[in-house]
C-alpha atoms as a PDB file:
ATOM      1  CA  MET A   1      -0.021   0.057   0.030  1.00  0.00           C
ATOM      2  CA  SER A   2       1.524   3.340  -1.045  1.00  0.00           C
ATOM      3  CA  ARG A   3       1.662   6.157   1.470  1.00  0.00           C
ATOM      4  CA  ARG A   4       2.384   9.887   1.133  1.00  0.00           C
ATOM      5  CA  SER A   5       5.602  10.811   2.695  1.00  0.00           C
ATOM      6  CA  ALA A   6       5.392  13.207   5.574  1.00  0.00           C
ATOM      7  CA  GLU A   7       6.707  16.740   4.757  1.00  0.00           C
ATOM      8  CA  LEU A   8       9.774  17.810   6.535  1.00  0.00           C
ATOM      9  CA  PRO A   9       8.988  20.619   9.133  1.00  0.00           C
ATOM     10  CA  ASP A  10       9.896  24.246   8.287  1.00  0.00           C
ATOM     11  CA  THR A  11      12.651  24.996  10.767  1.00  0.00           C
ATOM     12  CA  THR A  12      12.367  28.713  10.063  1.00  0.00           C
ATOM     13  CA  LYS A  13       9.049  28.830  11.802  1.00  0.00           C
ATOM     14  CA  PRO A  14       8.333  28.511  15.573  1.00  0.00           C
ATOM     15  CA  THR A  15       7.639  24.981  16.695  1.00  0.00           C
ATOM     16  CA  PRO A  16       4.145  24.463  18.107  1.00  0.00           C
ATOM     17  CA  GLY A  17       3.754  23.144  21.604  1.00  0.00           C
ATOM     18  CA  PRO A  18       3.161  19.458  22.018  1.00  0.00           C
ATOM     19  CA  TRP A  19      -0.514  19.825  23.008  1.00  0.00           C
ATOM     20  CA  LEU A  20      -1.144  21.797  19.834  1.00  0.00           C
ATOM     21  CA  LYS A  21       0.100  18.793  17.933  1.00  0.00           C
ATOM     22  CA  VAL A  22      -2.218  16.576  20.068  1.00  0.00           C
ATOM     23  CA  ALA A  23      -5.118  18.780  19.153  1.00  0.00           C
ATOM     24  CA  LEU A  24      -4.160  18.487  15.443  1.00  0.00           C
ATOM     25  CA  ILE A  25      -4.274  14.685  15.693  1.00  0.00           C
ATOM     26  CA  ILE A  26      -7.701  14.855  17.267  1.00  0.00           C
ATOM     27  CA  THR A  27      -8.773  17.076  14.350  1.00  0.00           C
ATOM     28  CA  ILE A  28      -7.570  14.375  11.988  1.00  0.00           C
ATOM     29  CA  LEU A  29      -9.717  11.748  13.767  1.00  0.00           C
ATOM     30  CA  VAL A  30     -12.758  13.925  13.266  1.00  0.00           C
ATOM     31  CA  VAL A  31     -11.940  14.388   9.636  1.00  0.00           C
ATOM     32  CA  LEU A  32     -11.795  10.651   9.276  1.00  0.00           C
ATOM     33  CA  VAL A  33     -15.482  10.409   9.727  1.00  0.00           C
ATOM     34  CA  VAL A  34     -16.331  12.682   6.816  1.00  0.00           C
ATOM     35  CA  ALA A  35     -13.291  12.257   4.458  1.00  0.00           C
ATOM     36  CA  VAL A  36     -11.124   9.249   5.057  1.00  0.00           C
ATOM     37  CA  ALA A  37      -8.958  10.017   2.043  1.00  0.00           C
ATOM     38  CA  SER A  38      -7.751  13.227   3.566  1.00  0.00           C
ATOM     39  CA  TRP A  39      -6.185  11.520   6.561  1.00  0.00           C
ATOM     40  CA  TYR A  40      -2.846  10.867   4.908  1.00  0.00           C
ATOM     41  CA  ALA A  41      -2.555  14.416   3.743  1.00  0.00           C
ATOM     42  CA  LEU A  42      -3.383  15.921   7.112  1.00  0.00           C
ATOM     43  CA  ARG A  43      -1.358  13.616   9.450  1.00  0.00           C
ATOM     44  CA  PRO A  44       1.402  15.775  11.130  1.00  0.00           C
ATOM     45  CA  ALA A  45       4.991  14.841  10.580  1.00  0.00           C
ATOM     46  CA  PRO A  46       6.520  13.002  13.559  1.00  0.00           C
ATOM     47  CA  GLN A  47       8.769  15.005  15.867  1.00  0.00           C
ATOM     48  CA  ALA A  48      11.455  12.385  15.703  1.00  0.00           C
ATOM     49  CA  VAL A  49      12.086   8.870  14.617  1.00  0.00           C
ATOM     50  CA  VAL A  50      14.207   7.071  17.247  1.00  0.00           C
ATOM     51  CA  ASP A  51      15.892   3.683  17.331  1.00  0.00           C
ATOM     52  CA  PRO A  52      13.126   1.107  17.264  1.00  0.00           C
ATOM     53  CA  THR A  53      14.738  -1.127  19.816  1.00  0.00           C
ATOM     54  CA  PRO A  54      13.075  -0.842  23.321  1.00  0.00           C
ATOM     55  CA  THR A  55      15.599   0.178  25.941  1.00  0.00           C
ATOM     56  CA  ALA A  56      13.944  -0.518  29.317  1.00  0.00           C
ATOM     57  CA  THR A  57      16.582  -0.557  32.070  1.00  0.00           C
ATOM     58  CA  SER A  58      14.760  -0.646  35.374  1.00  0.00           C
ATOM     59  CA  ALA A  59      12.764  -3.795  34.869  1.00  0.00           C
ATOM     60  CA  PRO A  60      12.568  -6.664  32.338  1.00  0.00           C
ATOM     61  CA  VAL A  61       9.744  -6.023  29.946  1.00  0.00           C
ATOM     62  CA  GLY A  62       8.937  -8.405  27.135  1.00  0.00           C
ATOM     63  CA  PRO A  63       6.072  -9.530  24.925  1.00  0.00           C
ATOM     64  CA  GLY A  64       2.913 -10.402  26.842  1.00  0.00           C
ATOM     65  CA  LEU A  65       3.769  -8.696  30.025  1.00  0.00           C
ATOM     66  CA  ALA A  66       2.149  -5.244  29.966  1.00  0.00           C
ATOM     67  CA  ASN A  67      -1.616  -5.036  30.619  1.00  0.00           C
ATOM     68  CA  GLY A  68      -3.320  -2.665  28.170  1.00  0.00           C
ATOM     69  CA  CYS A  69      -6.487  -2.473  30.308  1.00  0.00           C
ATOM     70  CA  LEU A  70      -5.180  -1.521  33.702  1.00  0.00           C
ATOM     71  CA  ALA A  71      -8.144   0.927  34.211  1.00  0.00           C
ATOM     72  CA  GLY A  72     -10.677  -1.552  32.967  1.00  0.00           C
ATOM     73  CA  PRO A  73     -13.299  -0.921  30.317  1.00  0.00           C
ATOM     74  CA  ASP A  74     -14.525   2.429  31.817  1.00  0.00           C
ATOM     75  CA  ARG A  75     -13.203   5.721  30.488  1.00  0.00           C
ATOM     76  CA  THR A  76     -13.885   7.652  33.630  1.00  0.00           C
ATOM     77  CA  ALA A  77     -11.585   9.724  35.779  1.00  0.00           C
ATOM     78  CA  ALA A  78     -12.248   7.471  38.755  1.00  0.00           C
ATOM     79  CA  ALA A  79     -11.185   4.358  36.789  1.00  0.00           C
ATOM     80  CA  LEU A  80      -8.007   6.154  35.597  1.00  0.00           C
ATOM     81  CA  ILE A  81      -7.047   7.351  39.038  1.00  0.00           C
ATOM     82  CA  ALA A  82      -7.576   3.861  40.517  1.00  0.00           C
ATOM     83  CA  ALA A  83      -5.283   2.591  37.832  1.00  0.00           C
ATOM     84  CA  GLN A  84      -2.650   5.131  38.824  1.00  0.00           C
ATOM     85  CA  GLY A  85      -2.801   3.739  42.398  1.00  0.00           C
ATOM     86  CA  LYS A  86      -2.396   0.132  41.045  1.00  0.00           C
ATOM     87  CA  ALA A  87       0.541   0.869  38.710  1.00  0.00           C
ATOM     88  CA  PRO A  88       3.699  -0.518  40.414  1.00  0.00           C
ATOM     89  CA  HIS A  89       6.947   1.410  40.702  1.00  0.00           C
ATOM     90  CA  THR A  90       8.457  -0.400  37.681  1.00  0.00           C
ATOM     91  CA  THR A  91       8.784   0.127  33.974  1.00  0.00           C
ATOM     92  CA  LEU A  92       5.864  -2.187  33.597  1.00  0.00           C
ATOM     93  CA  GLY A  93       3.749   0.021  35.778  1.00  0.00           C
ATOM     94  CA  ALA A  94       4.717   3.093  33.731  1.00  0.00           C
ATOM     95  CA  ILE A  95       3.734   1.319  30.516  1.00  0.00           C
ATOM     96  CA  GLU A  96       0.347   0.230  31.849  1.00  0.00           C
ATOM     97  CA  LEU A  97      -0.501   3.671  33.279  1.00  0.00           C
ATOM     98  CA  THR A  98       0.526   5.277  29.949  1.00  0.00           C
ATOM     99  CA  ALA A  99      -1.935   3.030  28.066  1.00  0.00           C
ATOM    100  CA  ALA A 100      -4.716   3.806  30.582  1.00  0.00           C
ATOM    101  CA  PHE A 101      -4.125   7.586  30.382  1.00  0.00           C
ATOM    102  CA  LEU A 102      -4.002   7.659  26.511  1.00  0.00           C
ATOM    103  CA  ARG A 103      -7.144   5.644  26.296  1.00  0.00           C
ATOM    104  CA  TRP A 104      -8.925   8.046  28.698  1.00  0.00           C
ATOM    105  CA  GLN A 105      -7.823  11.298  27.011  1.00  0.00           C
ATOM    106  CA  ALA A 106      -8.557  10.157  23.425  1.00  0.00           C
ATOM    107  CA  GLN A 107     -12.327  10.105  23.647  1.00  0.00           C
ATOM    108  CA  TYR A 108     -15.128  12.105  22.114  1.00  0.00           C
ATOM    109  CA  PRO A 109     -17.402  13.401  23.581  1.00  0.00           C
ATOM    110  CA  PHE A 110     -14.596  14.815  25.733  1.00  0.00           C
ATOM    111  CA  PRO A 111     -14.372  13.989  29.466  1.00  0.00           C
ATOM    112  CA  PRO A 112     -16.443  16.273  31.671  1.00  0.00           C
ATOM    113  CA  ALA A 113     -14.596  19.362  32.898  1.00  0.00           C
ATOM    114  CA  GLY A 114     -14.788  18.212  36.462  1.00  0.00           C
ATOM    115  CA  ASP A 115     -13.241  14.838  35.586  1.00  0.00           C
ATOM    116  CA  SER A 116     -10.509  16.491  33.608  1.00  0.00           C
ATOM    117  CA  GLY A 117      -9.702  18.856  36.434  1.00  0.00           C
ATOM    118  CA  LEU A 118      -9.489  15.914  38.870  1.00  0.00           C
ATOM    119  CA  VAL A 119      -7.093  14.043  36.560  1.00  0.00           C
ATOM    120  CA  SER A 120      -4.899  17.136  36.234  1.00  0.00           C
ATOM    121  CA  LYS A 121      -4.846  17.583  40.029  1.00  0.00           C
ATOM    122  CA  THR A 122      -4.106  13.930  40.681  1.00  0.00           C
ATOM    123  CA  MET A 123      -1.917  12.851  37.782  1.00  0.00           C
ATOM    124  CA  ALA A 124       0.057  15.924  36.605  1.00  0.00           C
ATOM    125  CA  ALA A 125       3.609  15.921  37.789  1.00  0.00           C
ATOM    126  CA  ALA A 126       5.012  18.913  39.670  1.00  0.00           C
ATOM    127  CA  LYS A 127       6.906  19.985  36.509  1.00  0.00           C
ATOM    128  CA  ALA A 128       4.227  19.003  34.071  1.00  0.00           C
ATOM    129  CA  THR A 129       3.510  21.039  30.986  1.00  0.00           C
ATOM    130  CA  PRO A 130       0.844  23.748  31.429  1.00  0.00           C
ATOM    131  CA  ASP A 131      -1.555  21.777  29.155  1.00  0.00           C
ATOM    132  CA  MET A 132      -1.234  18.713  31.301  1.00  0.00           C
ATOM    133  CA  LYS A 133      -1.987  20.727  34.386  1.00  0.00           C
ATOM    134  CA  ASP A 134      -5.146  22.185  32.760  1.00  0.00           C
ATOM    135  CA  LEU A 135      -6.664  19.242  30.845  1.00  0.00           C
ATOM    136  CA  ALA A 136     -10.144  20.790  31.006  1.00  0.00           C
ATOM    137  CA  GLY A 137      -8.782  23.811  29.097  1.00  0.00           C
ATOM    138  CA  THR A 138      -6.978  21.488  26.693  1.00  0.00           C
ATOM    139  CA  PHE A 139     -10.150  19.650  25.792  1.00  0.00           C
ATOM    140  CA  SER A 140     -12.193  22.772  25.460  1.00  0.00           C
ATOM    141  CA  ALA A 141      -9.806  23.934  22.754  1.00  0.00           C
ATOM    142  CA  ARG A 142     -10.054  20.744  20.690  1.00  0.00           C
ATOM    143  CA  PRO A 143     -12.301  20.566  17.667  1.00  0.00           C
ATOM    144  CA  VAL A 144     -15.608  18.732  17.974  1.00  0.00           C
ATOM    145  CA  ALA A 145     -17.075  15.869  15.841  1.00  0.00           C
ATOM    146  CA  GLN A 146     -20.452  15.859  14.235  1.00  0.00           C
ATOM    147  CA  PRO A 147     -23.482  15.479  16.548  1.00  0.00           C
ATOM    148  CA  GLY A 148     -24.008  11.927  17.723  1.00  0.00           C
ATOM    149  CA  GLN A 149     -20.595  10.704  16.742  1.00  0.00           C
ATOM    150  CA  THR A 150     -18.214   8.989  19.150  1.00  0.00           C
ATOM    151  CA  ILE A 151     -14.480   8.590  18.764  1.00  0.00           C
ATOM    152  CA  THR A 152     -12.344   6.460  21.068  1.00  0.00           C
ATOM    153  CA  THR A 153      -9.218   4.377  20.970  1.00  0.00           C
ATOM    154  CA  SER A 154      -8.644   0.730  21.826  1.00  0.00           C
ATOM    155  CA  MET A 155      -5.548  -1.034  23.222  1.00  0.00           C
ATOM    156  CA  ALA A 156      -6.820  -4.414  22.044  1.00  0.00           C
ATOM    157  CA  GLN A 157      -4.273  -4.381  19.263  1.00  0.00           C
ATOM    158  CA  GLY A 158      -2.097  -1.763  20.955  1.00  0.00           C
ATOM    159  CA  LYS A 159       1.666  -1.726  20.829  1.00  0.00           C
ATOM    160  CA  TYR A 160       4.364   0.047  22.923  1.00  0.00           C
ATOM    161  CA  PHE A 161       7.999   1.058  23.024  1.00  0.00           C
ATOM    162  CA  VAL A 162      10.025   1.859  26.086  1.00  0.00           C
ATOM    163  CA  GLU A 163      12.034   4.836  24.873  1.00  0.00           C
ATOM    164  CA  SER A 164      13.934   5.179  28.147  1.00  0.00           C
ATOM    165  CA  ALA A 165      13.490   4.021  31.770  1.00  0.00           C
ATOM    166  CA  GLU A 166      15.189   4.815  35.035  1.00  0.00           C
ATOM    167  CA  ALA A 167      14.173   4.152  38.655  1.00  0.00           C
ATOM    168  CA  ASP A 168      11.914   7.217  38.901  1.00  0.00           C
ATOM    169  CA  GLN A 169      11.344   8.253  35.277  1.00  0.00           C
ATOM    170  CA  ALA A 170      10.164   6.590  32.137  1.00  0.00           C
ATOM    171  CA  GLN A 171       9.312   7.665  28.531  1.00  0.00           C
ATOM    172  CA  ILE A 172       6.777   5.318  26.891  1.00  0.00           C
ATOM    173  CA  THR A 173       5.357   5.343  23.378  1.00  0.00           C
ATOM    174  CA  VAL A 174       1.994   3.677  22.878  1.00  0.00           C
ATOM    175  CA  GLY A 175       0.035   3.104  19.673  1.00  0.00           C
ATOM    176  CA  SER A 176      -3.722   2.541  19.823  1.00  0.00           C
ATOM    177  CA  THR A 177      -6.507   1.786  17.281  1.00  0.00           C
ATOM    178  CA  VAL A 178      -9.031   4.415  16.386  1.00  0.00           C
ATOM    179  CA  VAL A 179     -12.658   3.445  17.063  1.00  0.00           C
ATOM    180  CA  ILE A 180     -15.346   5.451  15.324  1.00  0.00           C
ATOM    181  CA  ASN A 181     -18.989   4.920  16.417  1.00  0.00           C
ATOM    182  CA  GLY A 182     -18.056   1.716  18.042  1.00  0.00           C
ATOM    183  CA  THR A 183     -16.169   0.187  15.067  1.00  0.00           C
ATOM    184  CA  ALA A 184     -12.416  -0.274  15.256  1.00  0.00           C
ATOM    185  CA  VAL A 185     -10.525   0.475  12.045  1.00  0.00           C
ATOM    186  CA  ASP A 186      -7.347  -1.104  10.761  1.00  0.00           C
ATOM    187  CA  PRO A 187      -4.554  -0.056  13.162  1.00  0.00           C
ATOM    188  CA  GLN A 188      -1.936  -0.098  10.335  1.00  0.00           C
ATOM    189  CA  ASN A 189      -3.830   2.605   8.536  1.00  0.00           C
ATOM    190  CA  ARG A 190      -5.826   4.306  11.292  1.00  0.00           C
ATOM    191  CA  GLY A 191      -3.674   4.087  14.378  1.00  0.00           C
ATOM    192  CA  VAL A 192      -2.428   6.962  16.551  1.00  0.00           C
ATOM    193  CA  SER A 193       0.648   7.028  18.774  1.00  0.00           C
ATOM    194  CA  PHE A 194       1.898   9.297  21.527  1.00  0.00           C
ATOM    195  CA  THR A 195       4.908   9.362  23.808  1.00  0.00           C
ATOM    196  CA  VAL A 196       4.356  10.029  27.434  1.00  0.00           C
ATOM    197  CA  THR A 197       6.955  11.057  30.049  1.00  0.00           C
ATOM    198  CA  LEU A 198       6.253   9.819  33.553  1.00  0.00           C
ATOM    199  CA  VAL A 199       7.943  10.538  36.863  1.00  0.00           C
ATOM    200  CA  TRP A 200       7.554   8.811  40.200  1.00  0.00           C
ATOM    201  CA  GLU A 201       6.285  11.310  42.730  1.00  0.00           C
ATOM    202  CA  SER A 202       4.447  10.934  46.049  1.00  0.00           C
ATOM    203  CA  GLY A 203       4.322   7.168  45.765  1.00  0.00           C
ATOM    204  CA  VAL A 204       2.693   6.953  42.255  1.00  0.00           C
ATOM    205  CA  TRP A 205       3.575   7.529  38.631  1.00  0.00           C
ATOM    206  CA  LYS A 206       2.534  10.975  37.382  1.00  0.00           C
ATOM    207  CA  ILE A 207       2.644  12.472  33.875  1.00  0.00           C
ATOM    208  CA  SER A 208       4.893  15.408  33.005  1.00  0.00           C
ATOM    209  CA  LYS A 209       4.171  15.627  29.286  1.00  0.00           C
ATOM    210  CA  MET A 210       2.541  13.890  26.238  1.00  0.00           C
ATOM    211  CA  GLU A 211       3.533  14.442  22.662  1.00  0.00           C
ATOM    212  CA  PRO A 212       3.533  12.736  19.212  1.00  0.00           C
ATOM    213  CA  SER A 213       6.895  11.122  18.334  1.00  0.00           C
ATOM    214  CA  ARG A 214       7.017   7.869  16.381  1.00  0.00           C
ATOM    215  CA  VAL A 215       4.884   7.392  13.231  1.00  0.00           C
ATOM    216  CA  PRO A 216       2.023   5.016  14.001  1.00  0.00           C
ATOM    217  CA  ASP A 217       3.040   2.594  11.322  1.00  0.00           C
ATOM    218  CA  GLN A 218       6.348   2.043  13.069  1.00  0.00           C
ATOM    219  CA  VAL A 219       4.681   1.463  16.474  1.00  0.00           C
ATOM    220  CA  PHE A 220       2.285  -1.116  15.052  1.00  0.00           C
ATOM    221  CA  SER A 221       4.813  -2.996  12.971  1.00  0.00           C
ATOM    222  CA  GLN A 222       7.679  -3.027  15.449  1.00  0.00           C
ATOM    223  CA  GLY A 223       6.295  -2.446  18.948  1.00  0.00           C
ATOM    224  CA  THR A 224       5.582  -4.907  21.687  1.00  0.00           C
ATOM    225  CA  SER A 225       1.923  -6.127  22.058  1.00  0.00           C
ATOM    226  CA  PHE A 226      -0.194  -5.606  25.154  1.00  0.00           C
ATOM    227  CA  VAL A 227      -2.021  -8.376  26.778  1.00  0.00           C
ATOM    228  CA  GLY A 228      -5.624  -7.815  27.839  1.00  0.00           C
ATOM    229  CA  GLY A 229      -6.012  -4.598  26.005  1.00  0.00           C
ATOM    230  CA  CYS A 230      -9.389  -2.892  25.962  1.00  0.00           C
END
């Protein structure tokens, strides 16, 4: 299957913040519903392509170890925060919480403002990006889909990379499948991926930033599979 090559970024222009890129990806998911063919043209160029070999150092992580459904099937703030409390102080715990957080934040209709504020208060690291500290504001700035439409992501076919891992910090990339009105689409063609940086603070993993990095095709073709993804 041929694909359009991503355009190189114009380095003479200011680089947008990571959450602006996140909003652009959400825009693309909305466009998918009304014009699938435009997806390839609109997909943003990746920030970087890194060595595809996972480099976990603080705990052994292999195929079939990371649970892609730590928060369970619910996409509520309560389920996500409960998952934060369950995620162990290991690379595996960081991977599982990353999957839970990405699954929660990639939903439309967006989470209620009260839930978003609670997640920011509970899960944003002390040195988190401003957008992570104000998720309610972040969601309010995102584009909306057509009335009655739902957009979510699934970890059932999800993949992950451990970009780096230390005792109290980890950087995890996760790819998930787009689900439109309850129907999952081919992850090789309709997947999304984000890299999340986590730090261990106050006895739990917290999130300092989230940004696009690897192209989704690379994550799905070379990443490690979750078990029990939802």
